[in-house]
Amino acid sequence: MKKQLLFIAVLLCACLAGSCKDDDPAAPDSLYMHSTSGTVEAVAGTQSVTIYTTCGWKATGDDWITIEPLSGGEKGIFAVHLSFGANDTGALRTGRVVFEAGTYSETYTLTQKAQ
């Protein structure tokens, strides 16, 4: 799995680096996530999400999820960390984090098990 992610990251970097010239027309906005969902245990913790963008981006999410970093000013590959407290509600909870890059957006769904 890590080898696949590394391969994708290297391939994307090569494509981005090779396609950027000053006289090229602006690349269309795009955003890609390696995964669009994850499930975590009921205890407090952190889930990482890797995103690939061709422009600046920002993220917003549900109140129980802390996002770090909240944004990035340029294209690249970013590891975004989603932190959360223990789920003591007695019920499964699901939250969403929306990533926006220009006019494009993707949603990551985080499900936390109940204690």
N, C-alpha and C. Protein backbone atom coordinates (compact mmCIF):
# COMPACT_ATOMS: atom_id res chain seq x y z
N MET A 1 0.83 -1.19 0.00
CA MET A 1 0.00 0.00 0.00
C MET A 1 0.88 1.26 0.00
N LYS A 2 1.91 1.26 0.87
CA LYS A 2 2.79 2.42 0.93
C LYS A 2 3.57 2.58 -0.37
N LYS A 3 3.96 1.45 -0.98
CA LYS A 3 4.68 1.52 -2.25
C LYS A 3 3.79 2.10 -3.34
N GLN A 4 2.50 1.73 -3.33
CA GLN A 4 1.57 2.27 -4.32
C GLN A 4 1.40 3.76 -4.14
N LEU A 5 1.25 4.21 -2.90
CA LEU A 5 1.08 5.63 -2.62
C LEU A 5 2.33 6.40 -3.02
N LEU A 6 3.50 5.87 -2.70
CA LEU A 6 4.75 6.52 -3.08
C LEU A 6 4.87 6.60 -4.59
N PHE A 7 4.52 5.53 -5.29
CA PHE A 7 4.57 5.52 -6.75
C PHE A 7 3.65 6.59 -7.32
N ILE A 8 2.44 6.67 -6.81
CA ILE A 8 1.48 7.68 -7.28
C ILE A 8 2.01 9.07 -7.02
N ALA A 9 2.58 9.29 -5.83
CA ALA A 9 3.10 10.60 -5.47
C ALA A 9 4.25 11.00 -6.39
N VAL A 10 5.19 10.09 -6.65
CA VAL A 10 6.32 10.38 -7.52
C VAL A 10 5.83 10.64 -8.94
N LEU A 11 4.91 9.84 -9.41
CA LEU A 11 4.36 10.01 -10.75
C LEU A 11 3.66 11.36 -10.89
N LEU A 12 2.88 11.72 -9.89
CA LEU A 12 2.17 13.00 -9.93
C LEU A 12 3.15 14.16 -9.90
N CYS A 13 4.18 14.08 -9.07
CA CYS A 13 5.20 15.14 -9.02
C CYS A 13 5.88 15.30 -10.37
N ALA A 14 6.22 14.19 -11.00
CA ALA A 14 6.87 14.24 -12.30
C ALA A 14 5.96 14.88 -13.34
N CYS A 15 4.70 14.53 -13.31
CA CYS A 15 3.74 15.11 -14.26
C CYS A 15 3.56 16.60 -14.01
N LEU A 16 3.43 16.99 -12.75
CA LEU A 16 3.25 18.40 -12.43
C LEU A 16 4.48 19.21 -12.78
N ALA A 17 5.66 18.70 -12.47
CA ALA A 17 6.90 19.42 -12.75
C ALA A 17 7.14 19.54 -14.25
N GLY A 18 6.85 18.50 -14.99
CA GLY A 18 7.08 18.51 -16.42
C GLY A 18 6.07 19.30 -17.22
N SER A 19 4.94 19.57 -16.65
CA SER A 19 3.89 20.25 -17.40
C SER A 19 3.81 21.74 -17.12
N CYS A 20 4.65 22.26 -16.25
CA CYS A 20 4.58 23.68 -15.87
C CYS A 20 5.61 24.49 -16.65
N LYS A 21 5.14 25.34 -17.53
CA LYS A 21 5.98 26.27 -18.27
C LYS A 21 5.29 27.62 -18.20
N ASP A 22 6.09 28.68 -18.23
CA ASP A 22 5.53 30.02 -18.11
C ASP A 22 4.55 30.36 -19.23
N ASP A 23 4.76 29.81 -20.43
CA ASP A 23 3.89 30.16 -21.55
C ASP A 23 2.72 29.20 -21.72
N ASP A 24 2.59 28.21 -20.84
CA ASP A 24 1.45 27.30 -20.92
C ASP A 24 0.18 27.99 -20.42
N PRO A 25 -0.97 27.66 -21.01
CA PRO A 25 -2.21 28.18 -20.45
C PRO A 25 -2.43 27.60 -19.06
N ALA A 26 -3.21 28.28 -18.27
CA ALA A 26 -3.46 27.84 -16.89
C ALA A 26 -4.08 26.44 -16.89
N ALA A 27 -3.55 25.59 -16.01
CA ALA A 27 -4.11 24.24 -15.87
C ALA A 27 -5.45 24.33 -15.17
N PRO A 28 -6.38 23.45 -15.53
CA PRO A 28 -7.67 23.48 -14.84
C PRO A 28 -7.51 23.07 -13.38
N ASP A 29 -8.37 23.63 -12.55
CA ASP A 29 -8.36 23.27 -11.13
C ASP A 29 -8.70 21.80 -10.98
N SER A 30 -7.97 21.13 -10.12
CA SER A 30 -8.32 19.74 -9.83
C SER A 30 -7.84 19.37 -8.43
N LEU A 31 -8.47 18.35 -7.90
CA LEU A 31 -8.15 17.85 -6.57
C LEU A 31 -8.43 16.36 -6.57
N TYR A 32 -7.49 15.59 -6.03
CA TYR A 32 -7.65 14.14 -5.97
C TYR A 32 -7.29 13.68 -4.57
N MET A 33 -8.08 12.74 -4.03
CA MET A 33 -7.78 12.13 -2.74
C MET A 33 -7.52 10.65 -2.96
N HIS A 34 -6.54 10.12 -2.26
CA HIS A 34 -6.23 8.70 -2.39
C HIS A 34 -7.38 7.85 -1.87
N SER A 35 -8.09 8.35 -0.86
CA SER A 35 -9.24 7.64 -0.27
C SER A 35 -10.31 8.67 0.06
N THR A 36 -11.57 8.29 -0.03
CA THR A 36 -12.65 9.23 0.27
C THR A 36 -13.37 8.92 1.57
N SER A 37 -12.91 7.90 2.31
CA SER A 37 -13.57 7.59 3.59
C SER A 37 -12.64 6.80 4.49
N GLY A 38 -12.97 6.82 5.78
CA GLY A 38 -12.20 6.05 6.75
C GLY A 38 -13.04 5.79 7.98
N THR A 39 -12.73 4.71 8.69
CA THR A 39 -13.41 4.36 9.93
C THR A 39 -12.37 4.23 11.02
N VAL A 40 -12.65 4.85 12.18
CA VAL A 40 -11.72 4.84 13.30
C VAL A 40 -12.41 4.29 14.55
N GLU A 41 -11.61 3.91 15.53
CA GLU A 41 -12.13 3.40 16.79
C GLU A 41 -12.77 4.53 17.59
N ALA A 42 -13.41 4.19 18.71
CA ALA A 42 -14.12 5.17 19.54
C ALA A 42 -13.19 6.08 20.33
N VAL A 43 -11.93 5.68 20.50
CA VAL A 43 -10.98 6.49 21.27
C VAL A 43 -10.51 7.69 20.46
N ALA A 44 -9.99 8.71 21.16
CA ALA A 44 -9.45 9.89 20.50
C ALA A 44 -8.27 9.50 19.61
N GLY A 45 -8.08 10.22 18.52
CA GLY A 45 -6.98 9.91 17.63
C GLY A 45 -6.88 10.85 16.46
N THR A 46 -6.10 10.42 15.47
CA THR A 46 -5.87 11.21 14.26
C THR A 46 -5.93 10.29 13.05
N GLN A 47 -6.54 10.79 11.99
CA GLN A 47 -6.61 10.09 10.70
C GLN A 47 -5.95 11.02 9.68
N SER A 48 -5.05 10.50 8.86
CA SER A 48 -4.40 11.31 7.84
C SER A 48 -5.03 11.05 6.48
N VAL A 49 -5.17 12.13 5.71
CA VAL A 49 -5.71 12.07 4.36
C VAL A 49 -4.69 12.73 3.44
N THR A 50 -4.36 12.09 2.33
CA THR A 50 -3.44 12.68 1.36
C THR A 50 -4.24 13.24 0.21
N ILE A 51 -3.99 14.52 -0.11
CA ILE A 51 -4.67 15.15 -1.24
C ILE A 51 -3.63 15.64 -2.24
N TYR A 52 -4.02 15.69 -3.50
CA TYR A 52 -3.19 16.18 -4.59
C TYR A 52 -3.97 17.29 -5.26
N THR A 53 -3.37 18.48 -5.40
CA THR A 53 -4.08 19.60 -6.01
C THR A 53 -3.23 20.28 -7.07
N THR A 54 -3.88 20.97 -7.99
CA THR A 54 -3.18 21.77 -9.01
C THR A 54 -3.28 23.25 -8.72
N CYS A 55 -3.83 23.61 -7.57
CA CYS A 55 -3.97 25.02 -7.19
C CYS A 55 -4.16 25.10 -5.68
N GLY A 56 -4.33 26.31 -5.18
CA GLY A 56 -4.58 26.48 -3.75
C GLY A 56 -5.85 25.76 -3.33
N TRP A 57 -5.93 25.39 -2.04
CA TRP A 57 -7.07 24.61 -1.56
C TRP A 57 -7.42 25.02 -0.14
N LYS A 58 -8.61 24.62 0.31
CA LYS A 58 -9.02 24.82 1.69
C LYS A 58 -9.91 23.65 2.11
N ALA A 59 -10.04 23.47 3.43
CA ALA A 59 -10.86 22.38 3.95
C ALA A 59 -11.77 22.89 5.05
N THR A 60 -12.98 22.36 5.09
CA THR A 60 -13.94 22.65 6.17
C THR A 60 -14.55 21.33 6.60
N GLY A 61 -14.96 21.26 7.86
CA GLY A 61 -15.52 19.99 8.33
C GLY A 61 -16.44 20.14 9.52
N ASP A 62 -16.97 19.02 9.95
CA ASP A 62 -17.88 18.98 11.10
C ASP A 62 -17.15 19.41 12.37
N ASP A 63 -17.92 19.90 13.35
CA ASP A 63 -17.35 20.47 14.57
C ASP A 63 -16.48 19.51 15.36
N TRP A 64 -16.74 18.23 15.34
CA TRP A 64 -15.98 17.29 16.16
C TRP A 64 -14.66 16.86 15.51
N ILE A 65 -14.39 17.37 14.31
CA ILE A 65 -13.15 17.04 13.61
C ILE A 65 -12.29 18.30 13.50
N THR A 66 -11.04 18.21 13.97
CA THR A 66 -10.08 19.30 13.83
C THR A 66 -9.19 19.00 12.63
N ILE A 67 -9.05 19.98 11.73
CA ILE A 67 -8.33 19.80 10.48
C ILE A 67 -7.02 20.59 10.54
N GLU A 68 -5.91 19.94 10.18
CA GLU A 68 -4.61 20.60 10.19
C GLU A 68 -3.77 20.11 9.02
N PRO A 69 -3.34 20.96 8.10
CA PRO A 69 -3.67 22.37 7.97
C PRO A 69 -5.06 22.56 7.35
N LEU A 70 -5.58 23.75 7.49
CA LEU A 70 -6.90 24.08 6.94
C LEU A 70 -6.84 24.47 5.46
N SER A 71 -5.64 24.81 4.98
CA SER A 71 -5.53 25.26 3.59
C SER A 71 -4.09 25.17 3.12
N GLY A 72 -3.94 25.30 1.80
CA GLY A 72 -2.62 25.35 1.17
C GLY A 72 -2.69 26.32 0.01
N GLY A 73 -1.64 27.09 -0.20
CA GLY A 73 -1.68 28.17 -1.17
C GLY A 73 -1.25 27.82 -2.58
N GLU A 74 -0.81 26.60 -2.81
CA GLU A 74 -0.34 26.27 -4.15
C GLU A 74 -0.57 24.80 -4.45
N LYS A 75 -0.20 24.41 -5.67
CA LYS A 75 -0.38 23.01 -6.07
C LYS A 75 0.61 22.12 -5.33
N GLY A 76 0.27 20.84 -5.24
CA GLY A 76 1.19 19.90 -4.61
C GLY A 76 0.47 18.74 -3.97
N ILE A 77 1.23 17.99 -3.18
CA ILE A 77 0.72 16.85 -2.44
C ILE A 77 0.75 17.22 -0.97
N PHE A 78 -0.36 17.03 -0.28
CA PHE A 78 -0.48 17.47 1.11
C PHE A 78 -1.02 16.34 1.98
N ALA A 79 -0.43 16.20 3.16
CA ALA A 79 -0.95 15.29 4.19
C ALA A 79 -1.79 16.15 5.12
N VAL A 80 -3.06 15.87 5.20
CA VAL A 80 -3.99 16.62 6.05
C VAL A 80 -4.37 15.71 7.22
N HIS A 81 -4.23 16.21 8.43
CA HIS A 81 -4.49 15.42 9.63
C HIS A 81 -5.85 15.79 10.22
N LEU A 82 -6.67 14.79 10.42
CA LEU A 82 -8.00 14.96 11.01
C LEU A 82 -7.95 14.41 12.43
N SER A 83 -8.08 15.28 13.42
CA SER A 83 -8.04 14.86 14.83
C SER A 83 -9.45 14.87 15.40
N PHE A 84 -9.68 13.99 16.37
CA PHE A 84 -11.02 13.85 16.94
C PHE A 84 -10.90 13.35 18.37
N GLY A 85 -11.87 13.69 19.18
CA GLY A 85 -11.93 13.21 20.56
C GLY A 85 -12.60 11.86 20.62
N ALA A 86 -12.63 11.30 21.83
CA ALA A 86 -13.31 10.01 22.04
C ALA A 86 -14.80 10.16 21.77
N ASN A 87 -15.39 9.14 21.19
CA ASN A 87 -16.82 9.15 20.92
C ASN A 87 -17.54 8.49 22.09
N ASP A 88 -18.02 9.31 23.02
CA ASP A 88 -18.73 8.78 24.18
C ASP A 88 -20.24 9.00 24.07
N THR A 89 -20.71 9.17 22.83
CA THR A 89 -22.14 9.42 22.61
C THR A 89 -22.97 8.14 22.71
N GLY A 90 -22.31 6.99 22.63
CA GLY A 90 -23.04 5.72 22.64
C GLY A 90 -23.55 5.31 21.28
N ALA A 91 -23.27 6.12 20.26
CA ALA A 91 -23.73 5.81 18.90
C ALA A 91 -22.60 6.09 17.91
N LEU A 92 -22.62 5.36 16.81
CA LEU A 92 -21.70 5.61 15.72
C LEU A 92 -21.88 7.05 15.26
N ARG A 93 -20.78 7.75 14.94
CA ARG A 93 -20.95 9.10 14.39
C ARG A 93 -20.15 9.22 13.09
N THR A 94 -20.72 10.00 12.20
CA THR A 94 -20.12 10.20 10.89
C THR A 94 -19.96 11.70 10.65
N GLY A 95 -18.77 12.08 10.21
CA GLY A 95 -18.49 13.48 9.90
C GLY A 95 -17.93 13.61 8.50
N ARG A 96 -18.01 14.80 7.97
CA ARG A 96 -17.52 15.05 6.62
C ARG A 96 -16.54 16.20 6.62
N VAL A 97 -15.51 16.05 5.80
CA VAL A 97 -14.55 17.12 5.56
C VAL A 97 -14.59 17.39 4.06
N VAL A 98 -14.85 18.64 3.70
CA VAL A 98 -14.94 19.03 2.29
C VAL A 98 -13.65 19.77 1.92
N PHE A 99 -12.97 19.27 0.89
CA PHE A 99 -11.77 19.90 0.36
C PHE A 99 -12.17 20.62 -0.92
N GLU A 100 -11.77 21.89 -1.04
CA GLU A 100 -12.08 22.69 -2.23
C GLU A 100 -10.80 23.21 -2.84
N ALA A 101 -10.67 23.07 -4.15
CA ALA A 101 -9.54 23.60 -4.92
C ALA A 101 -10.12 24.31 -6.13
N GLY A 102 -10.12 25.63 -6.10
CA GLY A 102 -10.76 26.39 -7.17
C GLY A 102 -12.24 26.09 -7.21
N THR A 103 -12.72 25.61 -8.34
CA THR A 103 -14.15 25.29 -8.49
C THR A 103 -14.44 23.82 -8.24
N TYR A 104 -13.43 23.05 -7.86
CA TYR A 104 -13.56 21.61 -7.68
C TYR A 104 -13.59 21.27 -6.20
N SER A 105 -14.38 20.26 -5.83
CA SER A 105 -14.41 19.83 -4.42
C SER A 105 -14.54 18.32 -4.30
N GLU A 106 -14.04 17.80 -3.18
CA GLU A 106 -14.14 16.37 -2.84
C GLU A 106 -14.50 16.29 -1.37
N THR A 107 -15.24 15.25 -1.00
CA THR A 107 -15.65 15.05 0.39
C THR A 107 -15.02 13.78 0.95
N TYR A 108 -14.43 13.91 2.14
CA TYR A 108 -13.90 12.77 2.88
C TYR A 108 -14.87 12.49 4.02
N THR A 109 -15.33 11.25 4.14
CA THR A 109 -16.27 10.86 5.19
C THR A 109 -15.52 10.07 6.26
N LEU A 110 -15.59 10.56 7.51
CA LEU A 110 -14.94 9.91 8.64
C LEU A 110 -16.01 9.34 9.56
N THR A 111 -15.94 8.04 9.80
CA THR A 111 -16.88 7.36 10.69
C THR A 111 -16.13 6.93 11.94
N GLN A 112 -16.69 7.27 13.11
CA GLN A 112 -16.08 6.88 14.37
C GLN A 112 -17.02 5.93 15.11
N LYS A 113 -16.46 4.79 15.50
CA LYS A 113 -17.25 3.78 16.20
C LYS A 113 -17.68 4.29 17.58
N ALA A 114 -18.72 3.68 18.13
CA ALA A 114 -19.21 4.03 19.47
C ALA A 114 -18.48 3.20 20.52
N GLN A 115 -18.42 3.73 21.75
CA GLN A 115 -17.81 2.97 22.86
C GLN A 115 -18.78 1.98 23.41
